[in-house]
Amino acid sequence: MNLNITGHHVEVTPAIREYVIGKLERVIRHFDNVTSAHVILSVEKLQQKAEVTLHVKGKDIFADATDADLYASIDALADKLNRQVVKYKEKTSDHSHDKRQNIE
């Protein structure tokens, strides 16, 4: 997986980089078809914002979160992204095969 982390008006320290990587690995554990991820960390006035675009086969999944603390916004971002990835995985799995077996 290709991971790109950028910061707008904030320095991406090794600690922040490792924290983001750890959170994204937890999300990607649910879904293996992730080709790349682009994370943007930014500061807007007193709000810390974290955005991620996850490129999967056939779709791009986007999530963002804003909080007063950067680590809290990364946590909220990981939770939102986790829900979206699980939902996308459920949609792409073949449920119609189970229905055909019950009819026959």
Protein backbone atom coordinates (compact mmCIF):
# COMPACT_ATOMS: atom_id res chain seq x y z
CA MET A 1 0.00 0.00 0.00
CA ASN A 2 1.22 3.47 -0.88
CA LEU A 3 0.82 5.92 2.02
CA ASN A 4 1.26 9.68 1.68
CA ILE A 5 1.02 11.95 4.74
CA THR A 6 1.15 15.72 4.28
CA GLY A 7 0.73 18.61 6.67
CA HIS A 8 -0.74 22.04 5.97
CA HIS A 9 0.49 24.58 8.53
CA VAL A 10 1.60 21.73 10.76
CA GLU A 11 4.82 19.73 10.87
CA VAL A 12 4.39 16.00 10.47
CA THR A 13 6.66 14.64 13.19
CA PRO A 14 7.74 10.99 13.33
CA ALA A 15 5.41 10.48 16.32
CA ILE A 16 2.41 11.78 14.39
CA ARG A 17 3.42 9.72 11.35
CA GLU A 18 3.62 6.52 13.42
CA TYR A 19 0.28 7.29 15.08
CA VAL A 20 -1.45 7.75 11.71
CA ILE A 21 0.15 4.59 10.31
CA GLY A 22 -1.01 2.59 13.34
CA LYS A 23 -4.58 3.84 13.01
CA LEU A 24 -4.71 3.18 9.26
CA GLU A 25 -3.29 -0.33 9.67
CA ARG A 26 -6.16 -1.09 12.05
CA VAL A 27 -8.66 0.06 9.42
CA ILE A 28 -6.96 -1.70 6.50
CA ARG A 29 -6.98 -4.97 8.43
CA HIS A 30 -10.67 -5.25 7.50
CA PHE A 31 -10.11 -4.81 3.78
CA ASP A 32 -7.13 -6.01 1.72
CA ASN A 33 -7.88 -4.26 -1.59
CA VAL A 34 -6.50 -0.84 -0.55
CA THR A 35 -4.07 0.45 -3.17
CA SER A 36 -3.10 3.79 -1.63
CA ALA A 37 -4.00 6.32 1.05
CA HIS A 38 -3.48 10.06 1.17
CA VAL A 39 -3.66 11.73 4.59
CA ILE A 40 -3.78 15.51 5.04
CA LEU A 41 -3.28 17.02 8.49
CA SER A 42 -4.05 20.72 8.78
CA VAL A 43 -4.64 23.52 11.25
CA GLU A 44 -7.47 25.99 10.68
CA LYS A 45 -7.58 28.66 13.39
CA LEU A 46 -7.88 26.64 16.62
CA GLN A 47 -9.23 23.47 14.98
CA GLN A 48 -7.03 20.53 14.02
CA LYS A 49 -8.32 18.75 10.91
CA ALA A 50 -7.46 15.32 9.56
CA GLU A 51 -8.57 14.08 6.14
CA VAL A 52 -7.94 10.82 4.35
CA THR A 53 -8.69 9.52 0.88
CA LEU A 54 -8.45 5.75 0.63
CA HIS A 55 -8.14 4.38 -2.89
CA VAL A 56 -9.69 0.93 -3.23
CA LYS A 57 -10.56 -1.07 -6.31
CA GLY A 58 -13.38 0.77 -8.04
CA LYS A 59 -13.89 3.56 -5.49
CA ASP A 60 -12.27 6.28 -3.41
CA ILE A 61 -13.35 6.48 0.23
CA PHE A 62 -13.05 9.91 1.87
CA ALA A 63 -13.35 10.81 5.54
CA ASP A 64 -12.48 13.87 7.59
CA ALA A 65 -12.62 14.89 11.23
CA THR A 66 -12.04 18.11 13.15
CA ASP A 67 -11.16 18.52 16.82
CA ALA A 68 -9.19 20.81 19.12
CA ASP A 69 -6.53 18.09 19.50
CA LEU A 70 -4.79 16.56 16.48
CA TYR A 71 -4.63 13.08 18.00
CA ALA A 72 -8.36 13.20 18.82
CA SER A 73 -9.16 14.19 15.24
CA ILE A 74 -7.03 11.30 13.96
CA ASP A 75 -8.95 8.93 16.28
CA ALA A 76 -12.31 10.22 15.04
CA LEU A 77 -11.08 9.96 11.46
CA ALA A 78 -10.05 6.33 11.95
CA ASP A 79 -13.46 5.49 13.42
CA LYS A 80 -15.32 7.11 10.51
CA LEU A 81 -13.06 5.45 7.97
CA ASN A 82 -13.46 2.07 9.66
CA ARG A 83 -17.26 2.29 9.41
CA GLN A 84 -17.08 3.27 5.74
CA VAL A 85 -14.65 0.47 4.86
CA VAL A 86 -16.78 -2.16 6.61
CA LYS A 87 -19.90 -0.86 4.84
CA TYR A 88 -18.14 -0.91 1.45
CA LYS A 89 -16.84 -4.43 2.09
CA GLU A 90 -20.35 -5.65 2.93
CA LYS A 91 -21.73 -4.10 -0.25
CA THR A 92 -19.09 -5.68 -2.45
CA SER A 93 -19.38 -9.16 -0.98
CA ASP A 94 -21.70 -11.50 -2.87
CA HIS A 95 -24.90 -11.95 -0.88
CA SER A 96 -27.01 -13.04 -3.83
CA HIS A 97 -25.32 -16.45 -3.87
CA ASP A 98 -26.86 -17.27 -0.46
CA LYS A 99 -30.33 -16.28 -1.69
CA ARG A 100 -30.08 -18.58 -4.73
CA GLN A 101 -29.28 -21.56 -2.53
CA ASN A 102 -32.41 -20.98 -0.42
CA ILE A 103 -34.68 -20.83 -3.49
CA GLU A 104 -33.47 -24.10 -5.00
